[in-house]
Amino acid sequence: MNVVIIDDEPLARARIKRLLQHNEHILVQGEGDNGAQGLALIKQIQPDLVFLDIDMPGINGLEVAQQLNTLSVPPAIVFVTAYPEHALDALQLSAAGYLVKPVTEQALDKVLAQVGRLNKAHMQTQQSTKISYQLGGTIKSIELDLVYYFNAQEKYTNMVFEGGEALIEQSLKQLEQRFPTQLLRIHRNTLINKQRLVALHTLNSGVHSVELAGCKEQLNVSRRELKTVKNILQ
């Protein structure tokens, strides 16, 4: 597992690196001492796991994590901080783990085991990207690559894909959990296929909409999700 450590405290970085040396499956590929440097390093190395300090000058760890989560294949993130009260913020950003300084070997081993379980589950999910649906009494399946977007409709979800559309029973939340890196929420009722995202348009009325490759429709983007969409298109 390739690892990057981002922390503005040299001693904290050295401690984590030293503890990781006992694990033959871990390879520390790089270190950074601030958020901006960390982002550049992570995009260059594309590690499997990032140990990320929360309290750093400039771009803090939470802001770094928000940007990492917009990547097509984001790394697993373990937050490291001296302030336990940040735990809730970390969990809201779907962190794989959380360590309180000074980091102990026992706590580190525990979080690495947790990351390992998450990676295994992710790999199992990646093995099947087909979605089943029923059409005219026949059960069919389609590759996620062929899907444009999903739209919530009462008890069901409408799936729009190349050649048609169909209702499926999976909720938007379930789809997000199953395909966390492939799908992007642009509205509370809409998920899009991230690789289909082509452009963001702004109408005279101030309404924002996205253009998807191969899709004739333009879909509205909520104000809440606008920043995330912009970050992906940058």
C-alpha atoms as a PDB file:
ATOM      1  CA  MET A   1       0.000   0.000   0.000  1.00  0.00           C
ATOM      2  CA  ASN A   2       1.484   3.336  -1.066  1.00  0.00           C
ATOM      3  CA  VAL A   3       1.263   6.050   1.594  1.00  0.00           C
ATOM      4  CA  VAL A   4       1.748   9.826   1.789  1.00  0.00           C
ATOM      5  CA  ILE A   5       2.082  11.728   5.085  1.00  0.00           C
ATOM      6  CA  ILE A   6       0.991  15.382   5.285  1.00  0.00           C
ATOM      7  CA  ASP A   7       1.725  17.220   8.555  1.00  0.00           C
ATOM      8  CA  ASP A   8       3.327  20.565   9.354  1.00  0.00           C
ATOM      9  CA  GLU A   9       5.122  19.042  12.374  1.00  0.00           C
ATOM     10  CA  PRO A  10       8.343  17.223  11.331  1.00  0.00           C
ATOM     11  CA  LEU A  11       8.400  15.139  14.518  1.00  0.00           C
ATOM     12  CA  ALA A  12       4.819  13.978  13.962  1.00  0.00           C
ATOM     13  CA  ARG A  13       5.646  12.915  10.393  1.00  0.00           C
ATOM     14  CA  ALA A  14       8.768  11.117  11.564  1.00  0.00           C
ATOM     15  CA  ARG A  15       6.844   9.260  14.275  1.00  0.00           C
ATOM     16  CA  ILE A  16       4.210   7.931  11.855  1.00  0.00           C
ATOM     17  CA  LYS A  17       6.883   7.006   9.320  1.00  0.00           C
ATOM     18  CA  ARG A  18       8.871   5.132  11.969  1.00  0.00           C
ATOM     19  CA  LEU A  19       5.819   3.187  13.143  1.00  0.00           C
ATOM     20  CA  LEU A  20       4.893   2.310   9.563  1.00  0.00           C
ATOM     21  CA  GLN A  21       8.335   0.799   8.934  1.00  0.00           C
ATOM     22  CA  HIS A  22       7.270  -2.265  10.940  1.00  0.00           C
ATOM     23  CA  ASN A  23       4.645  -3.071   8.291  1.00  0.00           C
ATOM     24  CA  GLU A  24       6.114  -4.725   5.194  1.00  0.00           C
ATOM     25  CA  HIS A  25       2.944  -3.989   3.206  1.00  0.00           C
ATOM     26  CA  ILE A  26       3.315  -0.218   3.634  1.00  0.00           C
ATOM     27  CA  LEU A  27       5.557   1.997   1.493  1.00  0.00           C
ATOM     28  CA  VAL A  28       5.835   5.705   2.354  1.00  0.00           C
ATOM     29  CA  GLN A  29       6.127   7.412  -1.032  1.00  0.00           C
ATOM     30  CA  GLY A  30       6.229  11.037   0.064  1.00  0.00           C
ATOM     31  CA  GLU A  31       5.817  13.670   2.783  1.00  0.00           C
ATOM     32  CA  GLY A  32       4.444  17.206   2.818  1.00  0.00           C
ATOM     33  CA  ASP A  33       4.403  19.942   5.453  1.00  0.00           C
ATOM     34  CA  ASN A  34       1.365  21.957   4.306  1.00  0.00           C
ATOM     35  CA  GLY A  35      -1.965  21.515   2.554  1.00  0.00           C
ATOM     36  CA  ALA A  36      -1.015  22.986  -0.819  1.00  0.00           C
ATOM     37  CA  GLN A  37       2.146  20.904  -1.056  1.00  0.00           C
ATOM     38  CA  GLY A  38       0.199  17.868   0.082  1.00  0.00           C
ATOM     39  CA  LEU A  39      -2.423  18.247  -2.638  1.00  0.00           C
ATOM     40  CA  ALA A  40       0.214  18.523  -5.353  1.00  0.00           C
ATOM     41  CA  LEU A  41       2.090  15.525  -3.972  1.00  0.00           C
ATOM     42  CA  ILE A  42      -1.019  13.362  -3.741  1.00  0.00           C
ATOM     43  CA  LYS A  43      -2.112  14.180  -7.296  1.00  0.00           C
ATOM     44  CA  GLN A  44       1.377  13.297  -8.520  1.00  0.00           C
ATOM     45  CA  ILE A  45       1.885  10.061  -6.560  1.00  0.00           C
ATOM     46  CA  GLN A  46      -1.760   8.900  -6.395  1.00  0.00           C
ATOM     47  CA  PRO A  47      -1.284   6.973  -3.122  1.00  0.00           C
ATOM     48  CA  ASP A  48      -3.664   4.414  -1.670  1.00  0.00           C
ATOM     49  CA  LEU A  49      -3.635   6.058   1.766  1.00  0.00           C
ATOM     50  CA  VAL A  50      -2.960   9.547   3.139  1.00  0.00           C
ATOM     51  CA  PHE A  51      -2.191  10.398   6.765  1.00  0.00           C
ATOM     52  CA  LEU A  52      -3.451  13.968   6.971  1.00  0.00           C
ATOM     53  CA  ASP A  53      -2.993  16.462   9.786  1.00  0.00           C
ATOM     54  CA  ILE A  54      -6.046  18.670  10.317  1.00  0.00           C
ATOM     55  CA  ASP A  55      -4.463  21.776  11.842  1.00  0.00           C
ATOM     56  CA  MET A  56      -2.073  23.227   9.264  1.00  0.00           C
ATOM     57  CA  PRO A  57      -1.420  26.804   8.116  1.00  0.00           C
ATOM     58  CA  GLY A  58      -3.043  27.861   4.845  1.00  0.00           C
ATOM     59  CA  ILE A  59      -5.174  25.009   3.547  1.00  0.00           C
ATOM     60  CA  ASN A  60      -6.083  22.835   6.530  1.00  0.00           C
ATOM     61  CA  GLY A  61      -6.546  19.080   6.437  1.00  0.00           C
ATOM     62  CA  LEU A  62     -10.329  19.189   6.198  1.00  0.00           C
ATOM     63  CA  GLU A  63     -10.125  21.451   3.141  1.00  0.00           C
ATOM     64  CA  VAL A  64      -7.530  19.156   1.577  1.00  0.00           C
ATOM     65  CA  ALA A  65      -9.829  16.172   2.153  1.00  0.00           C
ATOM     66  CA  GLN A  66     -12.754  17.962   0.504  1.00  0.00           C
ATOM     67  CA  GLN A  67     -10.665  18.460  -2.634  1.00  0.00           C
ATOM     68  CA  LEU A  68      -9.345  14.896  -2.576  1.00  0.00           C
ATOM     69  CA  ASN A  69     -12.889  13.544  -2.450  1.00  0.00           C
ATOM     70  CA  THR A  70     -13.576  15.145  -5.833  1.00  0.00           C
ATOM     71  CA  LEU A  71     -10.856  13.084  -7.543  1.00  0.00           C
ATOM     72  CA  SER A  72     -11.984  10.257  -9.804  1.00  0.00           C
ATOM     73  CA  VAL A  73     -10.107   7.788  -7.574  1.00  0.00           C
ATOM     74  CA  PRO A  74      -9.610   9.450  -4.166  1.00  0.00           C
ATOM     75  CA  PRO A  75      -7.180   7.910  -1.669  1.00  0.00           C
ATOM     76  CA  ALA A  76      -8.267   6.605   1.714  1.00  0.00           C
ATOM     77  CA  ILE A  77      -7.747   9.334   4.335  1.00  0.00           C
ATOM     78  CA  VAL A  78      -6.706   8.930   7.965  1.00  0.00           C
ATOM     79  CA  PHE A  79      -6.848  12.208   9.868  1.00  0.00           C
ATOM     80  CA  VAL A  80      -4.188  12.908  12.499  1.00  0.00           C
ATOM     81  CA  THR A  81      -4.629  15.685  15.050  1.00  0.00           C
ATOM     82  CA  ALA A  82      -4.039  16.716  18.636  1.00  0.00           C
ATOM     83  CA  TYR A  83      -7.676  17.810  18.968  1.00  0.00           C
ATOM     84  CA  PRO A  84     -10.235  14.972  19.418  1.00  0.00           C
ATOM     85  CA  GLU A  85     -13.113  17.427  18.942  1.00  0.00           C
ATOM     86  CA  HIS A  86     -12.379  17.358  15.194  1.00  0.00           C
ATOM     87  CA  ALA A  87     -13.520  13.727  14.990  1.00  0.00           C
ATOM     88  CA  LEU A  88     -17.060  14.585  13.865  1.00  0.00           C
ATOM     89  CA  ASP A  89     -15.809  16.788  11.018  1.00  0.00           C
ATOM     90  CA  ALA A  90     -13.507  13.979   9.915  1.00  0.00           C
ATOM     91  CA  LEU A  91     -16.288  11.406   9.898  1.00  0.00           C
ATOM     92  CA  GLN A  92     -18.505  13.692   7.831  1.00  0.00           C
ATOM     93  CA  LEU A  93     -15.796  13.667   5.153  1.00  0.00           C
ATOM     94  CA  SER A  94     -15.923   9.854   4.988  1.00  0.00           C
ATOM     95  CA  ALA A  95     -12.489   9.429   6.554  1.00  0.00           C
ATOM     96  CA  ALA A  96     -11.180   5.868   6.722  1.00  0.00           C
ATOM     97  CA  GLY A  97      -9.835   6.522  10.209  1.00  0.00           C
ATOM     98  CA  TYR A  98      -8.854   9.034  12.870  1.00  0.00           C
ATOM     99  CA  LEU A  99      -5.718   9.189  15.041  1.00  0.00           C
ATOM    100  CA  VAL A 100      -5.052  11.427  18.039  1.00  0.00           C
ATOM    101  CA  LYS A 101      -1.509  12.648  18.670  1.00  0.00           C
ATOM    102  CA  PRO A 102       0.786  11.328  19.951  1.00  0.00           C
ATOM    103  CA  VAL A 103       0.079   8.365  17.682  1.00  0.00           C
ATOM    104  CA  THR A 104       0.612   4.978  19.315  1.00  0.00           C
ATOM    105  CA  GLU A 105       1.563   1.761  17.543  1.00  0.00           C
ATOM    106  CA  GLN A 106      -1.619   0.081  18.786  1.00  0.00           C
ATOM    107  CA  ALA A 107      -3.873   2.857  17.449  1.00  0.00           C
ATOM    108  CA  LEU A 108      -2.024   2.883  14.128  1.00  0.00           C
ATOM    109  CA  ASP A 109      -2.335  -0.895  13.701  1.00  0.00           C
ATOM    110  CA  LYS A 110      -6.046  -0.654  14.438  1.00  0.00           C
ATOM    111  CA  VAL A 111      -6.659   2.039  11.824  1.00  0.00           C
ATOM    112  CA  LEU A 112      -4.556   0.190   9.228  1.00  0.00           C
ATOM    113  CA  ALA A 113      -6.688  -2.914   9.757  1.00  0.00           C
ATOM    114  CA  GLN A 114      -9.775  -0.770   9.235  1.00  0.00           C
ATOM    115  CA  VAL A 115      -8.349   0.683   6.012  1.00  0.00           C
ATOM    116  CA  GLY A 116      -7.548  -2.836   4.837  1.00  0.00           C
ATOM    117  CA  ARG A 117     -11.161  -3.913   5.337  1.00  0.00           C
ATOM    118  CA  LEU A 118     -12.416  -0.860   3.454  1.00  0.00           C
ATOM    119  CA  ASN A 119     -10.026  -1.518   0.563  1.00  0.00           C
ATOM    120  CA  LYS A 120     -11.182  -5.122   0.357  1.00  0.00           C
ATOM    121  CA  ALA A 121     -14.819  -4.065   0.250  1.00  0.00           C
ATOM    122  CA  HIS A 122     -13.988  -1.449  -2.380  1.00  0.00           C
ATOM    123  CA  MET A 123     -12.225  -4.019  -4.570  1.00  0.00           C
ATOM    124  CA  GLN A 124     -15.212  -6.351  -4.315  1.00  0.00           C
ATOM    125  CA  THR A 125     -17.476  -3.504  -5.384  1.00  0.00           C
ATOM    126  CA  GLN A 126     -15.200  -2.649  -8.286  1.00  0.00           C
ATOM    127  CA  GLN A 127     -15.443  -6.217  -9.596  1.00  0.00           C
ATOM    128  CA  SER A 128     -19.065  -5.693 -10.577  1.00  0.00           C
ATOM    129  CA  THR A 129     -20.202  -2.427 -12.127  1.00  0.00           C
ATOM    130  CA  LYS A 130     -23.376  -3.832 -13.631  1.00  0.00           C
ATOM    131  CA  ILE A 131     -26.801  -2.618 -12.526  1.00  0.00           C
ATOM    132  CA  SER A 132     -29.825  -4.890 -12.850  1.00  0.00           C
ATOM    133  CA  TYR A 133     -33.260  -3.634 -13.858  1.00  0.00           C
ATOM    134  CA  GLN A 134     -36.557  -5.078 -15.006  1.00  0.00           C
ATOM    135  CA  LEU A 135     -38.040  -4.248 -18.400  1.00  0.00           C
ATOM    136  CA  GLY A 136     -41.221  -5.828 -19.740  1.00  0.00           C
ATOM    137  CA  GLY A 137     -41.047  -8.729 -17.327  1.00  0.00           C
ATOM    138  CA  THR A 138     -37.413  -9.454 -18.215  1.00  0.00           C
ATOM    139  CA  ILE A 139     -34.489  -8.840 -15.857  1.00  0.00           C
ATOM    140  CA  LYS A 140     -31.606  -7.153 -17.640  1.00  0.00           C
ATOM    141  CA  SER A 141     -28.322  -5.564 -16.605  1.00  0.00           C
ATOM    142  CA  ILE A 142     -26.271  -2.658 -17.868  1.00  0.00           C
ATOM    143  CA  GLU A 143     -22.713  -1.471 -17.277  1.00  0.00           C
ATOM    144  CA  LEU A 144     -22.420   1.702 -15.216  1.00  0.00           C
ATOM    145  CA  ASP A 145     -20.306   3.251 -18.002  1.00  0.00           C
ATOM    146  CA  LEU A 146     -23.446   3.369 -20.177  1.00  0.00           C
ATOM    147  CA  VAL A 147     -25.544   5.217 -17.578  1.00  0.00           C
ATOM    148  CA  TYR A 148     -26.002   9.003 -17.788  1.00  0.00           C
ATOM    149  CA  TYR A 149     -27.687   9.717 -14.467  1.00  0.00           C
ATOM    150  CA  PHE A 150     -30.019   8.559 -11.692  1.00  0.00           C
ATOM    151  CA  ASN A 151     -33.014  10.552 -10.496  1.00  0.00           C
ATOM    152  CA  ALA A 152     -35.014   9.835  -7.339  1.00  0.00           C
ATOM    153  CA  GLN A 153     -38.749   9.384  -7.916  1.00  0.00           C
ATOM    154  CA  GLU A 154     -40.772   8.622  -4.774  1.00  0.00           C
ATOM    155  CA  LYS A 155     -40.068   4.976  -3.830  1.00  0.00           C
ATOM    156  CA  TYR A 156     -37.959   4.222  -6.893  1.00  0.00           C
ATOM    157  CA  THR A 157     -34.972   5.601  -8.795  1.00  0.00           C
ATOM    158  CA  ASN A 158     -35.109   6.365 -12.512  1.00  0.00           C
ATOM    159  CA  MET A 159     -31.954   5.275 -14.337  1.00  0.00           C
ATOM    160  CA  VAL A 160     -31.306   7.015 -17.672  1.00  0.00           C
ATOM    161  CA  PHE A 161     -28.799   5.305 -19.949  1.00  0.00           C
ATOM    162  CA  GLU A 162     -27.757   4.949 -23.578  1.00  0.00           C
ATOM    163  CA  GLY A 163     -30.851   3.708 -25.384  1.00  0.00           C
ATOM    164  CA  GLY A 164     -33.491   4.265 -22.731  1.00  0.00           C
ATOM    165  CA  GLU A 165     -34.409   4.460 -19.073  1.00  0.00           C
ATOM    166  CA  ALA A 166     -35.746   2.172 -16.357  1.00  0.00           C
ATOM    167  CA  LEU A 167     -36.866   2.207 -12.735  1.00  0.00           C
ATOM    168  CA  ILE A 168     -34.665   0.464 -10.180  1.00  0.00           C
ATOM    169  CA  GLU A 169     -35.234  -0.199  -6.479  1.00  0.00           C
ATOM    170  CA  GLN A 170     -31.839   1.016  -5.258  1.00  0.00           C
ATOM    171  CA  SER A 171     -31.945   4.437  -3.595  1.00  0.00           C
ATOM    172  CA  LEU A 172     -29.521   7.237  -4.461  1.00  0.00           C
ATOM    173  CA  LYS A 173     -27.793   6.674  -1.124  1.00  0.00           C
ATOM    174  CA  GLN A 174     -27.302   2.982  -1.877  1.00  0.00           C
ATOM    175  CA  LEU A 175     -25.917   3.819  -5.316  1.00  0.00           C
ATOM    176  CA  GLU A 176     -23.491   6.350  -3.806  1.00  0.00           C
ATOM    177  CA  GLN A 177     -22.256   3.742  -1.349  1.00  0.00           C
ATOM    178  CA  ARG A 178     -21.836   1.140  -4.075  1.00  0.00           C
ATOM    179  CA  PHE A 179     -20.109   3.446  -6.581  1.00  0.00           C
ATOM    180  CA  PRO A 180     -18.435   6.158  -4.450  1.00  0.00           C
ATOM    181  CA  THR A 181     -15.836   7.148  -7.049  1.00  0.00           C
ATOM    182  CA  GLN A 182     -17.951   6.843 -10.193  1.00  0.00           C
ATOM    183  CA  LEU A 183     -21.060   8.796  -9.201  1.00  0.00           C
ATOM    184  CA  LEU A 184     -21.436  12.475  -8.341  1.00  0.00           C
ATOM    185  CA  ARG A 185     -24.364  14.099  -6.559  1.00  0.00           C
ATOM    186  CA  ILE A 186     -25.394  17.342  -8.262  1.00  0.00           C
ATOM    187  CA  HIS A 187     -28.740  17.715  -6.495  1.00  0.00           C
ATOM    188  CA  ARG A 188     -30.490  16.015  -3.602  1.00  0.00           C
ATOM    189  CA  ASN A 189     -32.545  14.114  -6.200  1.00  0.00           C
ATOM    190  CA  THR A 190     -29.859  13.476  -8.827  1.00  0.00           C
ATOM    191  CA  LEU A 191     -26.638  11.488  -9.233  1.00  0.00           C
ATOM    192  CA  ILE A 192     -24.642  11.654 -12.459  1.00  0.00           C
ATOM    193  CA  ASN A 193     -21.993   9.403 -13.969  1.00  0.00           C
ATOM    194  CA  LYS A 194     -18.853  11.417 -13.200  1.00  0.00           C
ATOM    195  CA  GLN A 195     -16.987  10.327 -16.324  1.00  0.00           C
ATOM    196  CA  ARG A 196     -19.835  11.706 -18.461  1.00  0.00           C
ATOM    197  CA  LEU A 197     -19.484  15.226 -17.044  1.00  0.00           C
ATOM    198  CA  VAL A 198     -18.498  17.612 -19.858  1.00  0.00           C
ATOM    199  CA  ALA A 199     -19.406  21.162 -18.854  1.00  0.00           C
ATOM    200  CA  LEU A 200     -21.175  23.428 -16.378  1.00  0.00           C
ATOM    201  CA  HIS A 201     -23.522  26.082 -17.790  1.00  0.00           C
ATOM    202  CA  THR A 202     -24.995  29.165 -16.121  1.00  0.00           C
ATOM    203  CA  LEU A 203     -28.298  30.551 -17.404  1.00  0.00           C
ATOM    204  CA  ASN A 204     -29.317  34.216 -17.294  1.00  0.00           C
ATOM    205  CA  SER A 205     -31.652  33.337 -14.438  1.00  0.00           C
ATOM    206  CA  GLY A 206     -28.652  32.223 -12.392  1.00  0.00           C
ATOM    207  CA  VAL A 207     -29.580  28.548 -12.608  1.00  0.00           C
ATOM    208  CA  HIS A 208     -26.635  26.181 -13.107  1.00  0.00           C
ATOM    209  CA  SER A 209     -26.832  22.986 -15.148  1.00  0.00           C
ATOM    210  CA  VAL A 210     -24.421  20.275 -16.262  1.00  0.00           C
ATOM    211  CA  GLU A 211     -23.882  18.819 -19.704  1.00  0.00           C
ATOM    212  CA  LEU A 212     -23.243  15.073 -19.949  1.00  0.00           C
ATOM    213  CA  ALA A 213     -21.521  13.372 -22.883  1.00  0.00           C
ATOM    214  CA  GLY A 214     -24.117  11.672 -25.075  1.00  0.00           C
ATOM    215  CA  CYS A 215     -27.085  12.978 -23.077  1.00  0.00           C
ATOM    216  CA  LYS A 216     -29.484  15.468 -24.689  1.00  0.00           C
ATOM    217  CA  GLU A 217     -30.740  16.791 -21.348  1.00  0.00           C
ATOM    218  CA  GLN A 218     -29.015  19.353 -19.171  1.00  0.00           C
ATOM    219  CA  LEU A 219     -29.470  18.698 -15.454  1.00  0.00           C
ATOM    220  CA  ASN A 220     -29.831  21.365 -12.777  1.00  0.00           C
ATOM    221  CA  VAL A 221     -27.146  21.688 -10.113  1.00  0.00           C
ATOM    222  CA  SER A 222     -28.091  22.759  -6.592  1.00  0.00           C
ATOM    223  CA  ARG A 223     -26.190  25.569  -4.879  1.00  0.00           C
ATOM    224  CA  ARG A 224     -25.017  23.099  -2.263  1.00  0.00           C
ATOM    225  CA  GLU A 225     -23.283  20.862  -4.823  1.00  0.00           C
ATOM    226  CA  LEU A 226     -22.068  23.635  -7.162  1.00  0.00           C
ATOM    227  CA  LYS A 227     -18.581  23.977  -5.675  1.00  0.00           C
ATOM    228  CA  THR A 228     -17.918  20.238  -5.950  1.00  0.00           C
ATOM    229  CA  VAL A 229     -18.924  20.220  -9.619  1.00  0.00           C
ATOM    230  CA  LYS A 230     -16.668  23.200 -10.335  1.00  0.00           C
ATOM    231  CA  ASN A 231     -13.712  21.537  -8.611  1.00  0.00           C
ATOM    232  CA  ILE A 232     -14.060  18.411 -10.739  1.00  0.00           C
ATOM    233  CA  LEU A 233     -14.122  20.421 -13.965  1.00  0.00           C
ATOM    234  CA  GLN A 234     -11.033  22.457 -13.077  1.00  0.00           C
END
